[in-house]
Amino acid sequence: MFRFPPVVLFLASLSTFVFSQTQQRSPSEITKSFIADYKIWNDQAHFLYEKEKEKSDKTVEDTYQQLITKYCQEGKKHQPLAFGSESIHHPEHEQIINEKIKGNKAIVKTEYKKSEPVKITDHYEYHFIKINNQWYLEEVYYVDEDGKYEGL
């Protein structure tokens, strides 16, 4: 029986993940979708990096750009990539705590809580803009007592 190597399976799964359609929904619903997609991207990027190291850089960068393209306006420049064994966005740990919409702007605030192996509580703000009746993610900020930090 022929078995595909894990990297081939990983790359094949990216097309399903990256090219899924984003139906127009509320900023909160888009935030939930982004969190789930980001978790998938992080886990796949980490897996590929562990297997291929530096050879994986272009694939990881390309798939992150596809994630950005799915949720953001064309031309969005992202921050340097960061991924690891634990994703900073996870649908089981990050919950929406507030959504505020004012005109064509929206902010969705989330809280990431995890207790194992150490207790973690992080806060994020997802900033959106509505153009031609469609919401676009403008930025994700990590928020702590000292300020807000771009994280997209």
Protein backbone atom coordinates (compact mmCIF):
# COMPACT_ATOMS: atom_id res chain seq x y z
CA MET A 1 0.00 0.00 0.00
CA PHE A 2 1.37 3.42 -0.99
CA ARG A 3 1.50 6.06 1.76
CA PHE A 4 1.92 9.78 1.18
CA PRO A 5 4.69 11.41 3.20
CA PRO A 6 3.40 13.79 5.95
CA VAL A 7 4.63 16.88 4.09
CA VAL A 8 2.54 15.97 1.02
CA LEU A 9 -0.51 15.47 3.22
CA PHE A 10 0.19 18.78 4.95
CA LEU A 11 0.41 20.66 1.65
CA ALA A 12 -2.72 18.96 0.35
CA SER A 13 -4.64 20.01 3.45
CA LEU A 14 -3.60 23.64 2.97
CA SER A 15 -5.62 24.04 -0.19
CA THR A 16 -8.77 22.98 1.67
CA PHE A 17 -7.99 25.36 4.52
CA VAL A 18 -6.76 28.37 2.59
CA PHE A 19 -9.32 28.42 -0.20
CA SER A 20 -12.44 27.97 1.89
CA GLN A 21 -14.98 30.70 1.24
CA THR A 22 -15.58 33.53 3.70
CA GLN A 23 -19.28 34.33 3.74
CA GLN A 24 -20.12 37.81 4.91
CA ARG A 25 -20.96 37.67 8.55
CA SER A 26 -20.65 39.84 11.63
CA PRO A 27 -17.21 40.85 12.93
CA SER A 28 -17.65 38.38 15.82
CA GLU A 29 -18.37 35.50 13.45
CA ILE A 30 -15.39 36.44 11.28
CA THR A 31 -13.22 36.62 14.41
CA LYS A 32 -14.23 33.07 15.36
CA SER A 33 -13.43 31.88 11.84
CA PHE A 34 -10.04 33.66 11.89
CA ILE A 35 -9.15 32.10 15.26
CA ALA A 36 -9.93 28.61 13.93
CA ASP A 37 -8.03 29.20 10.66
CA TYR A 38 -5.06 30.71 12.49
CA LYS A 39 -4.88 27.65 14.76
CA ILE A 40 -4.86 25.37 11.71
CA TRP A 41 -2.16 27.50 10.04
CA ASN A 42 -0.02 27.56 13.22
CA ASP A 43 -0.22 23.82 13.75
CA GLN A 44 0.58 23.04 10.12
CA ALA A 45 3.42 25.59 10.01
CA HIS A 46 4.92 24.15 13.19
CA PHE A 47 4.60 20.60 11.88
CA LEU A 48 6.27 21.51 8.58
CA TYR A 49 9.04 23.46 10.29
CA GLU A 50 9.79 20.54 12.62
CA LYS A 51 10.11 18.24 9.59
CA GLU A 52 11.82 20.51 7.07
CA LYS A 53 13.38 23.40 9.09
CA GLU A 54 14.58 26.24 6.84
CA LYS A 55 13.23 24.55 3.71
CA SER A 56 9.75 25.28 5.06
CA ASP A 57 10.15 29.09 5.25
CA LYS A 58 8.64 29.91 1.85
CA THR A 59 5.67 27.56 2.26
CA VAL A 60 4.93 28.87 5.76
CA GLU A 61 5.17 32.48 4.53
CA ASP A 62 3.00 31.80 1.47
CA THR A 63 0.27 30.07 3.46
CA TYR A 64 0.24 32.88 6.05
CA GLN A 65 -0.14 35.40 3.24
CA GLN A 66 -3.10 33.38 1.97
CA LEU A 67 -4.63 33.56 5.45
CA ILE A 68 -4.13 37.35 5.48
CA THR A 69 -5.65 37.62 1.99
CA LYS A 70 -8.72 35.68 3.12
CA TYR A 71 -9.54 38.13 5.94
CA CYS A 72 -7.88 41.46 5.08
CA GLN A 73 -7.96 44.04 2.32
CA GLU A 74 -5.65 43.56 -0.63
CA GLY A 75 -2.14 44.78 0.06
CA LYS A 76 -2.20 44.23 3.84
CA LYS A 77 1.35 43.99 5.19
CA HIS A 78 1.71 41.61 8.10
CA GLN A 79 4.08 41.43 11.05
CA PRO A 80 7.01 38.97 11.09
CA LEU A 81 5.76 35.41 11.43
CA ALA A 82 5.53 33.69 14.79
CA PHE A 83 4.27 30.16 15.33
CA GLY A 84 4.97 27.37 17.73
CA SER A 85 3.82 24.21 19.41
CA GLU A 86 1.06 26.22 21.13
CA SER A 87 -0.98 28.56 18.93
CA ILE A 88 -1.60 32.08 20.28
CA HIS A 89 -5.16 31.82 18.89
CA HIS A 90 -7.19 28.71 19.66
CA PRO A 91 -10.98 28.25 19.36
CA GLU A 92 -11.12 26.20 22.56
CA HIS A 93 -9.26 28.79 24.63
CA GLU A 94 -10.09 32.19 23.09
CA GLN A 95 -13.57 33.55 23.67
CA ILE A 96 -15.25 36.74 22.50
CA ILE A 97 -16.01 39.04 25.41
CA ASN A 98 -17.27 42.13 23.55
CA GLU A 99 -18.18 43.44 20.10
CA LYS A 100 -18.63 47.16 19.37
CA ILE A 101 -19.74 48.39 15.97
CA LYS A 102 -19.79 52.09 15.17
CA GLY A 103 -20.56 52.94 11.56
CA ASN A 104 -18.05 51.18 9.31
CA LYS A 105 -15.66 50.30 12.17
CA ALA A 106 -15.82 47.42 14.62
CA ILE A 107 -13.72 46.10 17.48
CA VAL A 108 -14.06 42.58 18.80
CA LYS A 109 -12.36 41.90 22.13
CA THR A 110 -11.34 38.38 23.08
CA GLU A 111 -9.82 36.65 26.06
CA TYR A 112 -7.48 33.66 25.76
CA LYS A 113 -7.46 31.47 28.87
CA LYS A 114 -5.48 28.34 29.45
CA SER A 115 -4.51 26.68 32.71
CA GLU A 116 -2.21 23.87 31.59
CA PRO A 117 0.76 23.57 31.82
CA VAL A 118 0.76 27.13 33.23
CA LYS A 119 -2.06 29.59 33.78
CA ILE A 120 -2.34 32.06 30.89
CA THR A 121 -4.80 34.89 30.33
CA ASP A 122 -4.23 37.08 27.28
CA HIS A 123 -6.40 39.74 25.67
CA TYR A 124 -6.75 40.61 22.01
CA GLU A 125 -8.61 43.20 19.97
CA TYR A 126 -9.67 42.47 16.41
CA HIS A 127 -10.18 45.71 14.44
CA PHE A 128 -12.44 45.68 11.38
CA ILE A 129 -13.48 48.08 8.66
CA LYS A 130 -16.57 47.72 6.49
CA ILE A 131 -16.13 48.55 2.80
CA ASN A 132 -18.85 47.98 0.19
CA ASN A 133 -20.92 46.06 2.74
CA GLN A 134 -18.05 43.66 3.55
CA TRP A 135 -16.08 43.47 6.81
CA TYR A 136 -12.28 43.28 6.57
CA LEU A 137 -9.88 42.54 9.39
CA GLU A 138 -7.51 45.51 9.69
CA GLU A 139 -5.39 44.39 12.64
CA VAL A 140 -5.21 42.06 15.63
CA TYR A 141 -3.73 43.66 18.72
CA TYR A 142 -2.29 41.92 21.75
CA VAL A 143 -3.39 44.01 24.72
CA ASP A 144 -1.75 44.21 28.14
CA GLU A 145 -1.44 46.77 30.93
CA ASP A 146 1.27 48.64 28.98
CA GLY A 147 -0.60 49.04 25.69
CA LYS A 148 -1.63 47.44 22.39
CA TYR A 149 0.76 45.64 20.08
CA GLU A 150 0.18 44.75 16.44
CA GLY A 151 0.04 41.04 15.95
CA LEU A 152 -1.31 40.34 12.48
